C-alpha atoms as a PDB file:
ATOM      1  CA  GLY A   1       2.584 135.865   7.627  1.00  0.00           C
ATOM      2  CA  ILE A   2       6.214 137.106   7.076  1.00  0.00           C
ATOM      3  CA  THR A   3       6.952 140.436   5.693  1.00  0.00           C
ATOM      4  CA  ILE A   4       9.692 141.265   3.019  1.00  0.00           C
ATOM      5  CA  ASN A   5      12.096 142.205   5.797  1.00  0.00           C
ATOM      6  CA  GLY A   6      11.450 138.655   7.306  1.00  0.00           C
ATOM      7  CA  GLU A   7       9.583 139.947  10.243  1.00  0.00           C
ATOM      8  CA  LYS A   8       6.669 137.819  11.468  1.00  0.00           C
ATOM      9  CA  LYS A   9       3.281 139.402  11.378  1.00  0.00           C
ATOM     10  CA  ASN A  10      -0.389 138.593  12.201  1.00  0.00           C
ATOM     11  CA  TYR A  11      -2.932 139.593   9.839  1.00  0.00           C
ATOM     12  CA  PHE A  12      -6.851 139.652   9.889  1.00  0.00           C
ATOM     13  CA  LEU A  13      -8.441 139.040   6.388  1.00  0.00           C
ATOM     14  CA  THR A  14     -12.048 140.230   5.676  1.00  0.00           C
ATOM     15  CA  VAL A  15     -13.030 138.996   2.081  1.00  0.00           C
ATOM     16  CA  VAL A  16     -16.297 140.326   0.566  1.00  0.00           C
ATOM     17  CA  PRO A  17     -17.607 138.925  -2.852  1.00  0.00           C
ATOM     18  CA  ILE A  18     -18.660 141.396  -5.668  1.00  0.00           C
ATOM     19  CA  LYS A  19     -21.401 140.000  -7.891  1.00  0.00           C
ATOM     20  CA  ASN A  20     -22.798 141.125 -11.349  1.00  0.00           C
ATOM     21  CA  GLY A  21     -26.301 141.391 -12.371  1.00  0.00           C
ATOM     22  CA  ASN A  22     -26.742 137.713 -12.748  1.00  0.00           C
ATOM     23  CA  ASN A  23     -25.614 137.375  -9.104  1.00  0.00           C
ATOM     24  CA  LYS A  24     -22.453 135.927 -10.332  1.00  0.00           C
ATOM     25  CA  THR A  25     -19.306 136.719  -8.256  1.00  0.00           C
ATOM     26  CA  VAL A  26     -16.857 138.343 -10.568  1.00  0.00           C
ATOM     27  CA  GLN A  27     -14.621 139.987  -7.956  1.00  0.00           C
ATOM     28  CA  ALA A  28     -13.689 139.768  -4.307  1.00  0.00           C
ATOM     29  CA  LEU A  29     -12.777 142.680  -2.024  1.00  0.00           C
ATOM     30  CA  GLU A  30     -10.240 141.799   0.410  1.00  0.00           C
ATOM     31  CA  LEU A  31      -9.434 143.913   3.642  1.00  0.00           C
ATOM     32  CA  VAL A  32      -6.087 142.965   5.191  1.00  0.00           C
ATOM     33  CA  GLN A  33      -5.477 144.321   8.860  1.00  0.00           C
ATOM     34  CA  ASP A  34      -2.254 143.916  10.676  1.00  0.00           C
ATOM     35  CA  VAL A  35      -3.273 142.691  14.172  1.00  0.00           C
ATOM     36  CA  THR A  36       0.310 141.930  15.370  1.00  0.00           C
ATOM     37  CA  LYS A  37       0.281 144.554  17.920  1.00  0.00           C
ATOM     38  CA  ALA A  38      -3.190 143.884  19.280  1.00  0.00           C
ATOM     39  CA  LYS A  39      -2.436 140.134  19.422  1.00  0.00           C
ATOM     40  CA  ASN A  40       0.674 140.865  21.323  1.00  0.00           C
ATOM     41  CA  GLU A  41      -1.124 143.083  23.604  1.00  0.00           C
ATOM     42  CA  THR A  42      -3.888 140.453  24.129  1.00  0.00           C
ATOM     43  CA  ALA A  43      -1.105 137.988  24.923  1.00  0.00           C
ATOM     44  CA  GLU A  44       0.514 140.366  27.203  1.00  0.00           C
ATOM     45  CA  ARG A  45      -2.757 141.084  28.990  1.00  0.00           C
ATOM     46  CA  ILE A  46      -3.370 137.280  29.400  1.00  0.00           C
ATOM     47  CA  ARG A  47       0.069 136.849  30.815  1.00  0.00           C
ATOM     48  CA  LEU A  48      -0.461 139.990  32.991  1.00  0.00           C
ATOM     49  CA  ILE A  49      -3.895 138.410  34.101  1.00  0.00           C
ATOM     50  CA  ARG A  50      -2.288 135.163  34.826  1.00  0.00           C
ATOM     51  CA  ARG A  51       0.488 136.978  36.802  1.00  0.00           C
ATOM     52  CA  LEU A  52      -2.080 138.853  38.781  1.00  0.00           C
ATOM     53  CA  LYS A  53      -4.085 135.711  39.367  1.00  0.00           C
ATOM     54  CA  TYR A  54      -0.932 134.062  40.688  1.00  0.00           C
ATOM     55  CA  ILE A  55      -0.019 137.203  42.782  1.00  0.00           C
ATOM     56  CA  CYS A  56      -3.507 137.220  44.249  1.00  0.00           C
ATOM     57  CA  SER A  57      -3.565 133.515  45.064  1.00  0.00           C
ATOM     58  CA  ARG A  58      -0.190 134.233  46.840  1.00  0.00           C
ATOM     59  CA  LEU A  59      -1.548 137.181  48.581  1.00  0.00           C
ATOM     60  CA  ILE A  60      -4.625 135.251  49.788  1.00  0.00           C
ATOM     61  CA  LYS A  61      -2.285 132.457  51.153  1.00  0.00           C
ATOM     62  CA  THR A  62      -0.143 135.198  52.811  1.00  0.00           C
ATOM     63  CA  ASN A  63      -3.319 136.843  54.097  1.00  0.00           C
ATOM     64  CA  ASN A  64      -4.670 133.665  55.406  1.00  0.00           C
ATOM     65  CA  LYS A  65      -1.351 133.125  57.072  1.00  0.00           C
ATOM     66  CA  LEU A  66      -1.116 136.479  58.565  1.00  0.00           C
ATOM     67  CA  GLN A  67      -4.587 136.004  59.900  1.00  0.00           C
ATOM     68  CA  LYS A  68      -3.506 132.859  61.715  1.00  0.00           C
ATOM     69  CA  ASP A  69      -0.366 134.539  62.845  1.00  0.00           C
ATOM     70  CA  VAL A  70      -2.527 137.483  64.121  1.00  0.00           C
ATOM     71  CA  CYS A  71      -4.835 134.925  65.994  1.00  0.00           C
ATOM     72  CA  ALA A  72      -1.721 133.165  67.355  1.00  0.00           C
ATOM     73  CA  ILE A  73      -0.320 136.642  68.477  1.00  0.00           C
ATOM     74  CA  LYS A  74      -3.579 137.591  70.128  1.00  0.00           C
ATOM     75  CA  GLU A  75      -3.714 134.102  71.783  1.00  0.00           C
ATOM     76  CA  GLY A  76      -0.064 134.693  72.878  1.00  0.00           C
ATOM     77  CA  ALA A  77      -1.048 138.109  73.956  1.00  0.00           C
ATOM     78  CA  ASN A  78      -3.863 136.831  76.092  1.00  0.00           C
ATOM     79  CA  LYS A  79      -1.621 134.087  77.571  1.00  0.00           C
ATOM     80  CA  ILE A  80       0.951 136.649  78.461  1.00  0.00           C
ATOM     81  CA  LYS A  81      -1.826 138.962  79.886  1.00  0.00           C
ATOM     82  CA  LYS A  82      -3.214 136.066  82.058  1.00  0.00           C
ATOM     83  CA  LEU A  83       0.410 135.186  82.964  1.00  0.00           C
ATOM     84  CA  ASN A  84       1.017 138.780  83.947  1.00  0.00           C
ATOM     85  CA  SER A  85      -2.049 138.753  85.985  1.00  0.00           C
ATOM     86  CA  LYS A  86      -1.095 135.613  87.817  1.00  0.00           C
ATOM     87  CA  LEU A  87       2.486 137.061  88.361  1.00  0.00           C
ATOM     88  CA  GLU A  88       0.941 140.225  89.665  1.00  0.00           C
ATOM     89  CA  LYS A  89      -1.250 138.338  92.028  1.00  0.00           C
ATOM     90  CA  ARG A  90       1.747 136.053  93.114  1.00  0.00           C
ATOM     91  CA  TYR A  91       3.850 138.989  93.589  1.00  0.00           C
ATOM     92  CA  LYS A  92       0.976 140.766  95.631  1.00  0.00           C
ATOM     93  CA  TYR A  93       0.811 137.433  97.594  1.00  0.00           C
ATOM     94  CA  LEU A  94       4.455 137.074  98.307  1.00  0.00           C
ATOM     95  CA  ALA A  95       4.503 140.815  99.210  1.00  0.00           C
ATOM     96  CA  GLU A  96       1.724 140.201 101.702  1.00  0.00           C
ATOM     97  CA  GLU A  97       3.294 137.070 102.878  1.00  0.00           C
ATOM     98  CA  LEU A  98       6.561 138.834 103.377  1.00  0.00           C
ATOM     99  CA  ASN A  99       4.990 141.743 105.204  1.00  0.00           C
ATOM    100  CA  LEU A 100       2.968 139.243 107.338  1.00  0.00           C
ATOM    101  CA  ALA A 101       6.283 137.331 108.193  1.00  0.00           C
ATOM    102  CA  LYS A 102       7.929 140.631 109.007  1.00  0.00           C
ATOM    103  CA  HIS A 103       5.199 141.648 111.659  1.00  0.00           C
ATOM    104  CA  GLN A 104       5.106 137.880 112.758  1.00  0.00           C
ATOM    105  CA  MET A 105       8.935 137.968 113.423  1.00  0.00           C
ATOM    106  CA  LYS A 106       8.489 141.296 115.103  1.00  0.00           C
ATOM    107  CA  ASP A 107       5.860 140.130 117.331  1.00  0.00           C
ATOM    108  CA  ILE A 108       8.047 136.919 118.229  1.00  0.00           C
ATOM    109  CA  PHE A 109      10.931 139.216 118.921  1.00  0.00           C
ATOM    110  CA  GLU A 110       8.841 141.333 121.313  1.00  0.00           C
ATOM    111  CA  VAL A 111       7.414 138.085 122.832  1.00  0.00           C
ATOM    112  CA  THR A 112      10.799 136.594 123.253  1.00  0.00           C
ATOM    113  CA  GLN A 113      11.939 139.769 125.121  1.00  0.00           C
ATOM    114  CA  SER A 114       8.933 139.650 127.307  1.00  0.00           C
ATOM    115  CA  ILE A 115       9.444 136.088 128.081  1.00  0.00           C
ATOM    116  CA  SER A 116      13.249 136.495 128.686  1.00  0.00           C
ATOM    117  CA  SER A 117      12.835 139.282 131.030  1.00  0.00           C
ATOM    118  CA  CYS A 118      10.723 136.763 133.302  1.00  0.00           C
ATOM    119  CA  ALA A 119      12.954 134.794 135.585  1.00  0.00           C
ATOM    120  CA  ASN A 120      10.387 132.742 137.226  1.00  0.00           C
ATOM    121  CA  LEU A 121      10.066 129.518 135.510  1.00  0.00           C
ATOM    122  CA  LYS A 122       6.333 128.998 136.191  1.00  0.00           C
ATOM    123  CA  ASN A 123       5.602 132.533 134.901  1.00  0.00           C
ATOM    124  CA  THR A 124       7.699 132.020 131.890  1.00  0.00           C
ATOM    125  CA  LEU A 125       5.811 128.940 130.964  1.00  0.00           C
ATOM    126  CA  LEU A 126       2.493 130.818 131.557  1.00  0.00           C
ATOM    127  CA  LEU A 127       3.648 133.582 129.235  1.00  0.00           C
ATOM    128  CA  ILE A 128       4.793 131.062 126.522  1.00  0.00           C
ATOM    129  CA  ILE A 129       1.457 129.319 126.257  1.00  0.00           C
ATOM    130  CA  ARG A 130      -0.528 132.591 126.400  1.00  0.00           C
ATOM    131  CA  PHE A 131       1.489 134.127 123.529  1.00  0.00           C
ATOM    132  CA  ALA A 132       1.374 130.817 121.699  1.00  0.00           C
ATOM    133  CA  ARG A 133      -2.513 131.066 121.724  1.00  0.00           C
ATOM    134  CA  GLN A 134      -2.449 134.514 120.629  1.00  0.00           C
ATOM    135  CA  LEU A 135      -0.016 133.955 117.749  1.00  0.00           C
ATOM    136  CA  ILE A 136      -2.147 131.119 116.129  1.00  0.00           C
ATOM    137  CA  HIS A 137      -5.406 132.683 117.177  1.00  0.00           C
ATOM    138  CA  ALA A 138      -6.402 129.468 119.081  1.00  0.00           C
ATOM    139  CA  ASP A 139      -8.899 128.936 121.775  1.00  0.00           C
ATOM    140  CA  ALA A 140      -6.677 127.094 124.329  1.00  0.00           C
ATOM    141  CA  ALA A 141      -3.137 126.096 124.714  1.00  0.00           C
ATOM    142  CA  ALA A 142      -1.196 123.828 127.088  1.00  0.00           C
ATOM    143  CA  LEU A 143       2.726 123.068 127.779  1.00  0.00           C
ATOM    144  CA  ARG A 144       3.870 119.728 128.894  1.00  0.00           C
ATOM    145  CA  MET A 145       7.658 119.394 129.707  1.00  0.00           C
ATOM    146  CA  VAL A 146       9.720 116.215 129.176  1.00  0.00           C
ATOM    147  CA  SER A 147      10.820 114.639 132.407  1.00  0.00           C
ATOM    148  CA  LYS A 148      14.616 114.215 133.093  1.00  0.00           C
ATOM    149  CA  ASP A 149      14.523 110.663 132.293  1.00  0.00           C
ATOM    150  CA  ASN A 150      12.804 111.352 128.868  1.00  0.00           C
ATOM    151  CA  LYS A 151       9.921 108.962 129.649  1.00  0.00           C
ATOM    152  CA  ILE A 152       6.902 110.919 130.504  1.00  0.00           C
ATOM    153  CA  LEU A 153       5.390 114.415 129.906  1.00  0.00           C
ATOM    154  CA  VAL A 154       4.937 116.496 132.759  1.00  0.00           C
ATOM    155  CA  SER A 155       1.810 118.727 132.741  1.00  0.00           C
ATOM    156  CA  GLU A 156       2.790 122.244 133.546  1.00  0.00           C
ATOM    157  CA  VAL A 157       0.409 125.052 132.607  1.00  0.00           C
ATOM    158  CA  SER A 158      -2.704 125.721 130.210  1.00  0.00           C
ATOM    159  CA  VAL A 159      -5.002 128.614 129.382  1.00  0.00           C
ATOM    160  CA  GLY A 160      -8.637 127.879 128.058  1.00  0.00           C
ATOM    161  CA  LEU A 161      -8.831 124.530 129.370  1.00  0.00           C
ATOM    162  CA  SER A 162     -10.409 123.309 132.700  1.00  0.00           C
ATOM    163  CA  LYS A 163      -8.091 122.913 135.751  1.00  0.00           C
ATOM    164  CA  ASN A 164      -8.386 119.140 135.756  1.00  0.00           C
ATOM    165  CA  TYR A 165      -7.627 118.609 132.009  1.00  0.00           C
ATOM    166  CA  LEU A 166      -4.038 118.186 132.190  1.00  0.00           C
ATOM    167  CA  GLN A 167      -4.376 115.812 135.129  1.00  0.00           C
ATOM    168  CA  GLU A 168      -6.964 113.674 133.471  1.00  0.00           C
ATOM    169  CA  THR A 169      -4.705 113.404 130.379  1.00  0.00           C
ATOM    170  CA  PRO A 170      -1.211 112.018 131.586  1.00  0.00           C
ATOM    171  CA  LEU A 171       1.018 111.071 128.587  1.00  0.00           C
ATOM    172  CA  LYS A 172       4.217 109.193 128.077  1.00  0.00           C
ATOM    173  CA  VAL A 173       6.875 110.032 125.489  1.00  0.00           C
ATOM    174  CA  GLY A 174       5.688 108.570 122.298  1.00  0.00           C
ATOM    175  CA  GLU A 175       2.071 108.351 123.509  1.00  0.00           C
ATOM    176  CA  GLY A 176      -0.728 110.389 121.938  1.00  0.00           C
ATOM    177  CA  VAL A 177      -0.258 113.492 119.866  1.00  0.00           C
ATOM    178  CA  ALA A 178       1.985 115.474 122.296  1.00  0.00           C
ATOM    179  CA  GLY A 179       3.933 112.323 123.267  1.00  0.00           C
ATOM    180  CA  LYS A 180       4.545 111.532 119.680  1.00  0.00           C
ATOM    181  CA  VAL A 181       5.894 115.070 119.025  1.00  0.00           C
ATOM    182  CA  ALA A 182       8.223 114.781 121.913  1.00  0.00           C
ATOM    183  CA  GLN A 183       9.537 111.519 120.417  1.00  0.00           C
ATOM    184  CA  ILE A 184      10.050 112.531 116.799  1.00  0.00           C
ATOM    185  CA  GLY A 185      10.712 116.339 117.427  1.00  0.00           C
ATOM    186  CA  LYS A 186       8.345 117.354 114.690  1.00  0.00           C
ATOM    187  CA  PRO A 187       5.016 119.192 114.593  1.00  0.00           C
ATOM    188  CA  LEU A 188       1.752 117.134 114.472  1.00  0.00           C
ATOM    189  CA  ALA A 189      -1.826 118.570 113.567  1.00  0.00           C
ATOM    190  CA  VAL A 190      -5.011 116.861 114.323  1.00  0.00           C
ATOM    191  CA  TYR A 191      -8.141 117.895 112.408  1.00  0.00           C
ATOM    192  CA  ASN A 192     -10.747 115.993 114.499  1.00  0.00           C
ATOM    193  CA  LEU A 193      -9.479 114.793 117.934  1.00  0.00           C
ATOM    194  CA  ALA A 194     -12.621 112.683 118.426  1.00  0.00           C
ATOM    195  CA  LYS A 195     -11.855 110.599 115.430  1.00  0.00           C
ATOM    196  CA  ASP A 196      -8.129 110.491 114.952  1.00  0.00           C
ATOM    197  CA  ALA A 197      -6.506 107.425 116.301  1.00  0.00           C
ATOM    198  CA  GLN A 198      -3.348 109.381 117.373  1.00  0.00           C
ATOM    199  CA  ALA A 199      -5.219 111.427 119.965  1.00  0.00           C
ATOM    200  CA  LYS A 200      -5.268 109.344 122.984  1.00  0.00           C
ATOM    201  CA  TYR A 201      -7.801 111.388 124.957  1.00  0.00           C
ATOM    202  CA  GLY A 202      -9.927 112.657 122.092  1.00  0.00           C
ATOM    203  CA  GLN A 203     -13.267 112.156 123.874  1.00  0.00           C
ATOM    204  CA  ILE A 204     -11.947 114.197 126.934  1.00  0.00           C
ATOM    205  CA  ALA A 205     -10.777 116.846 124.454  1.00  0.00           C
ATOM    206  CA  THR A 206     -14.246 116.884 122.869  1.00  0.00           C
ATOM    207  CA  LYS A 207     -15.809 117.423 126.308  1.00  0.00           C
ATOM    208  CA  GLU A 208     -13.554 120.322 126.769  1.00  0.00           C
ATOM    209  CA  GLY A 209     -15.145 121.600 123.499  1.00  0.00           C
ATOM    210  CA  MET A 210     -11.917 121.303 121.573  1.00  0.00           C
ATOM    211  CA  LEU A 211     -12.065 119.690 118.047  1.00  0.00           C
ATOM    212  CA  SER A 212      -8.497 120.501 116.450  1.00  0.00           C
ATOM    213  CA  ALA A 213      -5.073 120.626 117.847  1.00  0.00           C
ATOM    214  CA  LEU A 214      -1.540 121.483 116.722  1.00  0.00           C
ATOM    215  CA  SER A 215       1.498 120.282 118.810  1.00  0.00           C
ATOM    216  CA  VAL A 216       5.107 121.549 118.321  1.00  0.00           C
ATOM    217  CA  PRO A 217       8.309 120.501 120.120  1.00  0.00           C
ATOM    218  CA  ALA A 218      10.275 123.238 122.109  1.00  0.00           C
ATOM    219  CA  ILE A 219      13.846 122.186 121.131  1.00  0.00           C
ATOM    220  CA  PHE A 220      17.051 123.451 122.624  1.00  0.00           C
ATOM    221  CA  LYS A 221      20.400 122.084 121.184  1.00  0.00           C
ATOM    222  CA  ASP A 222      18.698 119.014 119.694  1.00  0.00           C
ATOM    223  CA  ASN A 223      16.904 118.082 122.863  1.00  0.00           C
ATOM    224  CA  VAL A 224      13.077 118.372 123.217  1.00  0.00           C
ATOM    225  CA  LEU A 225      12.338 120.214 126.511  1.00  0.00           C
ATOM    226  CA  GLY A 226       8.616 120.137 126.068  1.00  0.00           C
ATOM    227  CA  VAL A 227       5.636 120.339 123.634  1.00  0.00           C
ATOM    228  CA  ILE A 228       3.413 123.262 123.097  1.00  0.00           C
ATOM    229  CA  THR A 229      -0.233 122.370 122.029  1.00  0.00           C
ATOM    230  CA  VAL A 230      -2.880 124.672 120.740  1.00  0.00           C
ATOM    231  CA  TYR A 231      -6.334 123.815 120.339  1.00  0.00           C
ATOM    232  CA  SER A 232      -9.360 125.134 118.361  1.00  0.00           C
ATOM    233  CA  LYS A 233     -13.020 124.721 119.194  1.00  0.00           C
ATOM    234  CA  THR A 234     -13.802 124.440 115.367  1.00  0.00           C
ATOM    235  CA  ALA A 235     -12.565 122.083 112.878  1.00  0.00           C
ATOM    236  CA  ARG A 236      -9.360 123.663 111.663  1.00  0.00           C
ATOM    237  CA  HIS A 237      -6.684 122.760 108.960  1.00  0.00           C
ATOM    238  CA  PHE A 238      -3.665 124.610 110.545  1.00  0.00           C
ATOM    239  CA  SER A 239      -1.937 126.371 107.547  1.00  0.00           C
ATOM    240  CA  GLU A 240       1.813 125.621 106.927  1.00  0.00           C
ATOM    241  CA  ASN A 241       2.610 129.321 107.662  1.00  0.00           C
ATOM    242  CA  GLY A 242       0.820 129.023 110.965  1.00  0.00           C
ATOM    243  CA  ILE A 243       2.815 125.798 111.879  1.00  0.00           C
ATOM    244  CA  LYS A 244       6.253 127.496 110.746  1.00  0.00           C
ATOM    245  CA  LEU A 245       5.268 130.423 113.004  1.00  0.00           C
ATOM    246  CA  LEU A 246       4.535 128.207 115.967  1.00  0.00           C
ATOM    247  CA  MET A 247       7.646 126.295 115.383  1.00  0.00           C
ATOM    248  CA  THR A 248       9.819 129.393 115.199  1.00  0.00           C
ATOM    249  CA  PHE A 249       8.205 130.622 118.527  1.00  0.00           C
ATOM    250  CA  ALA A 250       8.657 127.347 120.163  1.00  0.00           C
ATOM    251  CA  ALA A 251      12.401 127.397 119.386  1.00  0.00           C
ATOM    252  CA  GLN A 252      12.716 130.895 121.174  1.00  0.00           C
ATOM    253  CA  ALA A 253      10.607 129.616 123.862  1.00  0.00           C
ATOM    254  CA  ALA A 254      12.935 126.808 124.486  1.00  0.00           C
ATOM    255  CA  VAL A 255      15.765 129.200 124.975  1.00  0.00           C
ATOM    256  CA  ALA A 256      13.660 131.139 127.474  1.00  0.00           C
ATOM    257  CA  ILE A 257      12.618 127.852 129.212  1.00  0.00           C
ATOM    258  CA  GLN A 258      16.263 126.790 129.468  1.00  0.00           C
ATOM    259  CA  GLU A 259      17.352 130.100 130.843  1.00  0.00           C
ATOM    260  CA  ALA A 260      14.639 130.121 133.348  1.00  0.00           C
ATOM    261  CA  LYS A 261      15.521 126.536 134.460  1.00  0.00           C
ATOM    262  CA  LEU A 262      19.342 127.690 134.865  1.00  0.00           C
ATOM    263  CA  TYR A 263      18.141 130.712 136.977  1.00  0.00           C
ATOM    264  CA  HIS A 264      15.890 128.503 138.892  1.00  0.00           C
ATOM    265  CA  ASP A 265      18.670 126.145 139.593  1.00  0.00           C
ATOM    266  CA  VAL A 266      21.070 128.920 140.479  1.00  0.00           C
ATOM    267  CA  HIS A 267      18.411 130.496 142.785  1.00  0.00           C
ATOM    268  CA  LEU A 268      17.744 127.330 144.642  1.00  0.00           C
ATOM    269  CA  ASN A 269      21.425 126.512 145.038  1.00  0.00           C
ATOM    270  CA  TYR A 270      21.931 130.131 146.341  1.00  0.00           C
ATOM    271  CA  PHE A 271      19.101 129.579 148.834  1.00  0.00           C
ATOM    272  CA  ASN A 272      20.187 126.087 149.890  1.00  0.00           C
ATOM    273  CA  THR A 273      23.675 127.598 150.593  1.00  0.00           C
ATOM    274  CA  ILE A 274      22.333 130.461 152.632  1.00  0.00           C
ATOM    275  CA  HIS A 275      20.022 128.107 154.630  1.00  0.00           C
ATOM    276  CA  ALA A 276      23.095 125.806 155.340  1.00  0.00           C
ATOM    277  CA  LEU A 277      25.103 128.621 156.645  1.00  0.00           C
ATOM    278  CA  ILE A 278      22.134 129.819 158.929  1.00  0.00           C
ATOM    279  CA  LEU A 279      21.626 126.358 160.318  1.00  0.00           C
ATOM    280  CA  ALA A 280      25.524 125.975 160.928  1.00  0.00           C
ATOM    281  CA  MET A 281      25.452 129.363 162.708  1.00  0.00           C
ATOM    282  CA  GLU A 282      22.306 128.511 164.786  1.00  0.00           C
ATOM    283  CA  ALA A 283      23.774 125.143 165.739  1.00  0.00           C
ATOM    284  CA  ARG A 284      26.135 126.853 168.164  1.00  0.00           C
ATOM    285  CA  ASP A 285      23.226 127.980 170.436  1.00  0.00           C
ATOM    286  CA  PRO A 286      20.309 125.766 171.023  1.00  0.00           C
ATOM    287  CA  TYR A 287      18.167 128.696 172.220  1.00  0.00           C
ATOM    288  CA  THR A 288      18.315 130.337 168.807  1.00  0.00           C
ATOM    289  CA  ARG A 289      18.031 127.291 166.661  1.00  0.00           C
ATOM    290  CA  GLY A 290      15.142 127.651 163.958  1.00  0.00           C
ATOM    291  CA  HIS A 291      14.785 131.331 164.800  1.00  0.00           C
ATOM    292  CA  SER A 292      15.904 132.754 161.429  1.00  0.00           C
ATOM    293  CA  GLU A 293      13.821 130.239 159.592  1.00  0.00           C
ATOM    294  CA  ARG A 294      10.672 131.055 161.783  1.00  0.00           C
ATOM    295  CA  VAL A 295      11.235 134.761 161.249  1.00  0.00           C
ATOM    296  CA  THR A 296      11.499 134.142 157.465  1.00  0.00           C
ATOM    297  CA  GLN A 297       8.266 132.158 157.353  1.00  0.00           C
ATOM    298  CA  TYR A 298       6.278 134.718 159.352  1.00  0.00           C
ATOM    299  CA  SER A 299       7.535 137.590 157.180  1.00  0.00           C
ATOM    300  CA  ILE A 300       6.693 135.714 153.868  1.00  0.00           C
ATOM    301  CA  LYS A 301       3.121 135.077 155.307  1.00  0.00           C
ATOM    302  CA  ILE A 302       2.677 138.716 156.313  1.00  0.00           C
ATOM    303  CA  ALA A 303       3.847 139.691 152.914  1.00  0.00           C
ATOM    304  CA  THR A 304       1.625 137.472 151.151  1.00  0.00           C
ATOM    305  CA  LYS A 305      -1.423 138.703 153.035  1.00  0.00           C
ATOM    306  CA  LEU A 306      -0.195 142.244 152.351  1.00  0.00           C
ATOM    307  CA  ARG A 307      -0.126 141.289 148.543  1.00  0.00           C
ATOM    308  CA  ILE A 308       3.519 142.421 148.124  1.00  0.00           C
ATOM    309  CA  PRO A 309       5.027 141.335 144.745  1.00  0.00           C
ATOM    310  CA  ARG A 310       6.788 138.214 144.524  1.00  0.00           C
ATOM    311  CA  GLU A 311      10.145 139.717 143.798  1.00  0.00           C
ATOM    312  CA  GLN A 312       9.990 141.534 147.060  1.00  0.00           C
ATOM    313  CA  ILE A 313       8.980 138.441 148.945  1.00  0.00           C
ATOM    314  CA  ASP A 314      11.978 136.729 147.600  1.00  0.00           C
ATOM    315  CA  ILE A 315      14.238 139.487 148.968  1.00  0.00           C
ATOM    316  CA  LEU A 316      12.604 139.145 152.249  1.00  0.00           C
ATOM    317  CA  GLN A 317      13.259 135.371 152.155  1.00  0.00           C
ATOM    318  CA  PHE A 318      17.046 135.893 151.784  1.00  0.00           C
ATOM    319  CA  VAL A 319      17.396 139.066 153.978  1.00  0.00           C
END
């Protein structure tokens, strides 16, 4: 309804009939209640309930999204944790590798000093293969030098192999494992010498008890001076680090070999010069011809019997 003031109202009417003795309705009692406020409050409650339902649905959606985000964050955290663990392991591995490389370079430096201090070519070559075997923890090692005409490999020294092994396994440049290394100037590893076609004397190596091998070139100023080969009695995949280590050592060994060769050549020229002077001096008197050479030979034989060091024998030879 609308009031006198024109204000809209909501009313609730309750009408009760009033009857006489004959049960006839003679009047009616009407109760009028103003329910405008209650209706408005009900409408407001309904609006609030709808608003709350809408907010709750949004909260549920937001909560679900947050739960997914939390799961994603947890998953990301686990990935980061795993990555961090991998990085730690990688860092630890690299630190160990660096520390190992440091010790290896120190060993190589000390080895190089020991080799460089040896003037005798034969002893230098023997030291080289002994240290090569120790560095790689191999069972045997051998050194073959490239001939002056670059056609064959001259067997020089070996450790851990029989005396006849090098003589029984002659190689040309480009032939067999060591020959191919001498030709291409790069390392070559063989897992099974008996079955690998690259190994020319695989059966002989097997009889020696050797199963795997690694050959590296000793290079000086782009020239391959020789090939260092290390052998293993068990099947072995030589690691990249081990190959690099032996290559580094071989490069230092090549310098020592070249120095020893130069020293040997100078030493030989010096001896030949002295020998020529002595022959020229003795040629004047036929009675003393060959006297100096005979005295030198007797002195060397006596010194050898007395086990005098080679350096002192060399002094006797020139004095």
